[in-house]
Amino acid sequence: MNINMTTHISQPGIILFAHGSRDPLWRLPIEAVAQRIQSLSPNTEVQCAFLELTTPDLPTCVTRMVQLGIQKIVVLPMFLGIGKHAREDLPLLMQQLQNDHPHTAFELRKAIGEEPALTQAMAEIALKA
C-alpha cells in the first residue's frame, strides 16, 4: 500500500504499546497479539509501538496510521502493572500526539493488566495441571 495515500479509513487503527527491551526476542509476544488481532479482523490496521529500547516508537506508528488515512487510533498499553510509564509518561505522550495530529481521534485504553478477562486467563493458566 502506498503510505502517502490519504484515503479515509473509518475503522480505528490499533497500536499495542509496550515498554521495549534490548533483547530482540522480548517483542515476540506483543507481535503475536498483533498477528492474532489481524487474523480476527483482517481490515484492522494494527501496529506495535515501544516506549524505549525497541522500534518503532509511538509517534512513528501514529504518523504511519495518519498517513494511511486512519482517523481514530486506539492505544492499548500492554502493561501488566500500572507504573510510572502508564500513569505519567503515556498520558503526556498522548497529549503531545493529540497536539501534533489535531484531526485524529485518540482513545487511550486502560492497561491490559487491568482487564478482568486477562486476570481470569492468567489464573486459569496458573491452575492448569
C-alpha atoms as a PDB file:
ATOM      1  CA  MET A   1       0.000   0.000   0.000  1.00  0.00           C
ATOM      2  CA  ASN A   2       1.240   3.480  -0.810  1.00  0.00           C
ATOM      3  CA  ILE A   3       1.881   5.071   2.583  1.00  0.00           C
ATOM      4  CA  ASN A   4       1.330   8.578   1.172  1.00  0.00           C
ATOM      5  CA  MET A   5      -2.189   7.713   0.120  1.00  0.00           C
ATOM      6  CA  THR A   6      -4.705   9.578   2.286  1.00  0.00           C
ATOM      7  CA  THR A   7      -7.898   7.616   1.823  1.00  0.00           C
ATOM      8  CA  HIS A   8     -10.072   7.934   4.906  1.00  0.00           C
ATOM      9  CA  ILE A   9     -10.380   4.673   6.781  1.00  0.00           C
ATOM     10  CA  SER A  10     -13.416   4.525   9.061  1.00  0.00           C
ATOM     11  CA  GLN A  11     -12.231   1.572  11.150  1.00  0.00           C
ATOM     12  CA  PRO A  12      -9.948   2.585  14.020  1.00  0.00           C
ATOM     13  CA  GLY A  13      -6.314   1.593  13.973  1.00  0.00           C
ATOM     14  CA  ILE A  14      -4.921  -0.237  16.987  1.00  0.00           C
ATOM     15  CA  ILE A  15      -1.490   0.346  18.458  1.00  0.00           C
ATOM     16  CA  LEU A  16      -0.226  -2.135  21.021  1.00  0.00           C
ATOM     17  CA  PHE A  17       2.082  -0.058  23.203  1.00  0.00           C
ATOM     18  CA  ALA A  18       4.763  -1.851  25.216  1.00  0.00           C
ATOM     19  CA  HIS A  19       7.886  -0.894  27.141  1.00  0.00           C
ATOM     20  CA  GLY A  20      10.624  -2.295  24.912  1.00  0.00           C
ATOM     21  CA  SER A  21      13.839  -4.206  25.559  1.00  0.00           C
ATOM     22  CA  ARG A  22      17.320  -4.654  24.143  1.00  0.00           C
ATOM     23  CA  ASP A  23      16.545  -8.371  23.725  1.00  0.00           C
ATOM     24  CA  PRO A  24      15.038  -8.853  20.246  1.00  0.00           C
ATOM     25  CA  LEU A  25      13.038 -11.891  21.425  1.00  0.00           C
ATOM     26  CA  TRP A  26      11.200  -9.761  24.004  1.00  0.00           C
ATOM     27  CA  ARG A  27       8.895  -8.273  21.361  1.00  0.00           C
ATOM     28  CA  LEU A  28       7.634 -11.635  20.059  1.00  0.00           C
ATOM     29  CA  PRO A  29       4.624 -11.945  22.430  1.00  0.00           C
ATOM     30  CA  ILE A  30       3.466  -8.406  21.575  1.00  0.00           C
ATOM     31  CA  GLU A  31       3.796  -9.152  17.863  1.00  0.00           C
ATOM     32  CA  ALA A  32       1.883 -12.410  18.377  1.00  0.00           C
ATOM     33  CA  VAL A  33      -1.042 -10.418  19.815  1.00  0.00           C
ATOM     34  CA  ALA A  34      -0.898  -8.089  16.795  1.00  0.00           C
ATOM     35  CA  GLN A  35      -0.953 -11.072  14.433  1.00  0.00           C
ATOM     36  CA  ARG A  36      -3.912 -12.555  16.291  1.00  0.00           C
ATOM     37  CA  ILE A  37      -5.820  -9.261  16.026  1.00  0.00           C
ATOM     38  CA  GLN A  38      -5.040  -9.175  12.304  1.00  0.00           C
ATOM     39  CA  SER A  39      -6.298 -12.735  11.832  1.00  0.00           C
ATOM     40  CA  LEU A  40      -9.519 -11.951  13.720  1.00  0.00           C
ATOM     41  CA  SER A  41     -10.070  -8.639  11.908  1.00  0.00           C
ATOM     42  CA  PRO A  42      -8.146  -8.535   8.595  1.00  0.00           C
ATOM     43  CA  ASN A  43      -9.290  -4.984   7.793  1.00  0.00           C
ATOM     44  CA  THR A  44      -7.936  -3.556  11.040  1.00  0.00           C
ATOM     45  CA  GLU A  45      -4.604  -1.781  10.875  1.00  0.00           C
ATOM     46  CA  VAL A  46      -2.621  -2.933  13.904  1.00  0.00           C
ATOM     47  CA  GLN A  47       0.911  -1.973  14.848  1.00  0.00           C
ATOM     48  CA  CYS A  48       3.253  -2.450  17.784  1.00  0.00           C
ATOM     49  CA  ALA A  49       4.963   0.570  19.347  1.00  0.00           C
ATOM     50  CA  PHE A  50       7.505   0.764  22.118  1.00  0.00           C
ATOM     51  CA  LEU A  51       8.436   3.319  24.744  1.00  0.00           C
ATOM     52  CA  GLU A  52      12.185   2.730  24.639  1.00  0.00           C
ATOM     53  CA  LEU A  53      14.981   0.408  23.530  1.00  0.00           C
ATOM     54  CA  THR A  54      12.868  -1.001  20.656  1.00  0.00           C
ATOM     55  CA  THR A  55      11.477   0.494  17.479  1.00  0.00           C
ATOM     56  CA  PRO A  56       9.137   1.775  16.251  1.00  0.00           C
ATOM     57  CA  ASP A  57       8.065   4.303  18.853  1.00  0.00           C
ATOM     58  CA  LEU A  58       4.508   5.521  19.366  1.00  0.00           C
ATOM     59  CA  PRO A  59       4.836   8.775  17.361  1.00  0.00           C
ATOM     60  CA  THR A  60       6.180   6.823  14.374  1.00  0.00           C
ATOM     61  CA  CYS A  61       3.247   4.394  14.435  1.00  0.00           C
ATOM     62  CA  VAL A  62       0.731   7.221  14.793  1.00  0.00           C
ATOM     63  CA  THR A  63       2.263   9.078  11.837  1.00  0.00           C
ATOM     64  CA  ARG A  64       2.074   5.917   9.705  1.00  0.00           C
ATOM     65  CA  MET A  65      -1.592   5.437  10.560  1.00  0.00           C
ATOM     66  CA  VAL A  66      -2.448   9.080   9.902  1.00  0.00           C
ATOM     67  CA  GLN A  67      -0.712   8.808   6.519  1.00  0.00           C
ATOM     68  CA  LEU A  68      -2.913   5.787   5.766  1.00  0.00           C
ATOM     69  CA  GLY A  69      -5.974   7.946   6.398  1.00  0.00           C
ATOM     70  CA  ILE A  70      -6.934   6.415   9.726  1.00  0.00           C
ATOM     71  CA  GLN A  71      -8.972   8.970  11.663  1.00  0.00           C
ATOM     72  CA  LYS A  72      -9.252   7.148  15.005  1.00  0.00           C
ATOM     73  CA  ILE A  73      -6.390   5.430  16.791  1.00  0.00           C
ATOM     74  CA  VAL A  74      -6.800   3.174  19.829  1.00  0.00           C
ATOM     75  CA  VAL A  75      -3.700   2.809  22.009  1.00  0.00           C
ATOM     76  CA  LEU A  76      -3.669  -0.288  24.199  1.00  0.00           C
ATOM     77  CA  PRO A  77      -0.913  -0.259  26.847  1.00  0.00           C
ATOM     78  CA  MET A  78       0.467  -3.786  27.094  1.00  0.00           C
ATOM     79  CA  PHE A  79       1.497  -3.353  30.741  1.00  0.00           C
ATOM     80  CA  LEU A  80       0.514  -5.811  33.473  1.00  0.00           C
ATOM     81  CA  GLY A  81       1.082  -3.261  36.215  1.00  0.00           C
ATOM     82  CA  ILE A  82       0.381   0.443  36.371  1.00  0.00           C
ATOM     83  CA  GLY A  83       3.741   2.053  36.967  1.00  0.00           C
ATOM     84  CA  LYS A  84       5.169   5.449  36.161  1.00  0.00           C
ATOM     85  CA  HIS A  85       5.167   4.814  32.415  1.00  0.00           C
ATOM     86  CA  ALA A  86       1.427   4.084  32.266  1.00  0.00           C
ATOM     87  CA  ARG A  87       0.459   6.664  34.900  1.00  0.00           C
ATOM     88  CA  GLU A  88       2.644   9.601  33.876  1.00  0.00           C
ATOM     89  CA  ASP A  89       4.691   9.132  30.697  1.00  0.00           C
ATOM     90  CA  LEU A  90       1.992   7.743  28.422  1.00  0.00           C
ATOM     91  CA  PRO A  91      -0.662  10.421  29.138  1.00  0.00           C
ATOM     92  CA  LEU A  92       1.916  13.141  28.382  1.00  0.00           C
ATOM     93  CA  LEU A  93       2.903  11.378  25.177  1.00  0.00           C
ATOM     94  CA  MET A  94      -0.758  11.031  24.186  1.00  0.00           C
ATOM     95  CA  GLN A  95      -1.323  14.766  24.756  1.00  0.00           C
ATOM     96  CA  GLN A  96       1.630  15.565  22.507  1.00  0.00           C
ATOM     97  CA  LEU A  97       0.281  13.219  19.813  1.00  0.00           C
ATOM     98  CA  GLN A  98      -3.132  14.907  20.002  1.00  0.00           C
ATOM     99  CA  ASN A  99      -1.426  18.290  19.624  1.00  0.00           C
ATOM    100  CA  ASP A 100       0.587  17.007  16.647  1.00  0.00           C
ATOM    101  CA  HIS A 101      -2.458  15.367  14.986  1.00  0.00           C
ATOM    102  CA  PRO A 102      -5.470  17.544  15.905  1.00  0.00           C
ATOM    103  CA  HIS A 103      -7.744  15.941  13.293  1.00  0.00           C
ATOM    104  CA  THR A 104      -7.188  12.433  14.651  1.00  0.00           C
ATOM    105  CA  ALA A 105      -9.284  10.956  17.449  1.00  0.00           C
ATOM    106  CA  PHE A 106      -7.287   9.057  20.053  1.00  0.00           C
ATOM    107  CA  GLU A 107      -8.543   6.553  22.591  1.00  0.00           C
ATOM    108  CA  LEU A 108      -6.154   5.524  25.349  1.00  0.00           C
ATOM    109  CA  ARG A 109      -7.366   2.295  26.866  1.00  0.00           C
ATOM    110  CA  LYS A 110      -6.545   1.121  30.362  1.00  0.00           C
ATOM    111  CA  ALA A 111      -3.518  -1.121  30.720  1.00  0.00           C
ATOM    112  CA  ILE A 112      -4.088  -4.721  29.658  1.00  0.00           C
ATOM    113  CA  GLY A 113      -3.248  -5.862  33.209  1.00  0.00           C
ATOM    114  CA  GLU A 114      -6.377  -4.097  34.477  1.00  0.00           C
ATOM    115  CA  GLU A 115      -8.659  -6.162  32.247  1.00  0.00           C
ATOM    116  CA  PRO A 116     -10.639  -8.781  34.220  1.00  0.00           C
ATOM    117  CA  ALA A 117     -10.541 -11.163  31.232  1.00  0.00           C
ATOM    118  CA  LEU A 118      -6.740 -11.185  31.318  1.00  0.00           C
ATOM    119  CA  THR A 119      -6.712 -11.764  35.084  1.00  0.00           C
ATOM    120  CA  GLN A 120      -9.067 -14.692  34.545  1.00  0.00           C
ATOM    121  CA  ALA A 121      -6.949 -16.138  31.734  1.00  0.00           C
ATOM    122  CA  MET A 122      -3.749 -15.899  33.810  1.00  0.00           C
ATOM    123  CA  ALA A 123      -5.457 -17.604  36.769  1.00  0.00           C
ATOM    124  CA  GLU A 124      -6.675 -20.410  34.510  1.00  0.00           C
ATOM    125  CA  ILE A 125      -3.173 -20.855  33.101  1.00  0.00           C
ATOM    126  CA  ALA A 126      -1.739 -20.998  36.626  1.00  0.00           C
ATOM    127  CA  LEU A 127      -4.243 -23.675  37.625  1.00  0.00           C
ATOM    128  CA  LYS A 128      -3.512 -25.973  34.681  1.00  0.00           C
ATOM    129  CA  ALA A 129      -2.207 -29.270  35.908  1.00  0.00           C
END
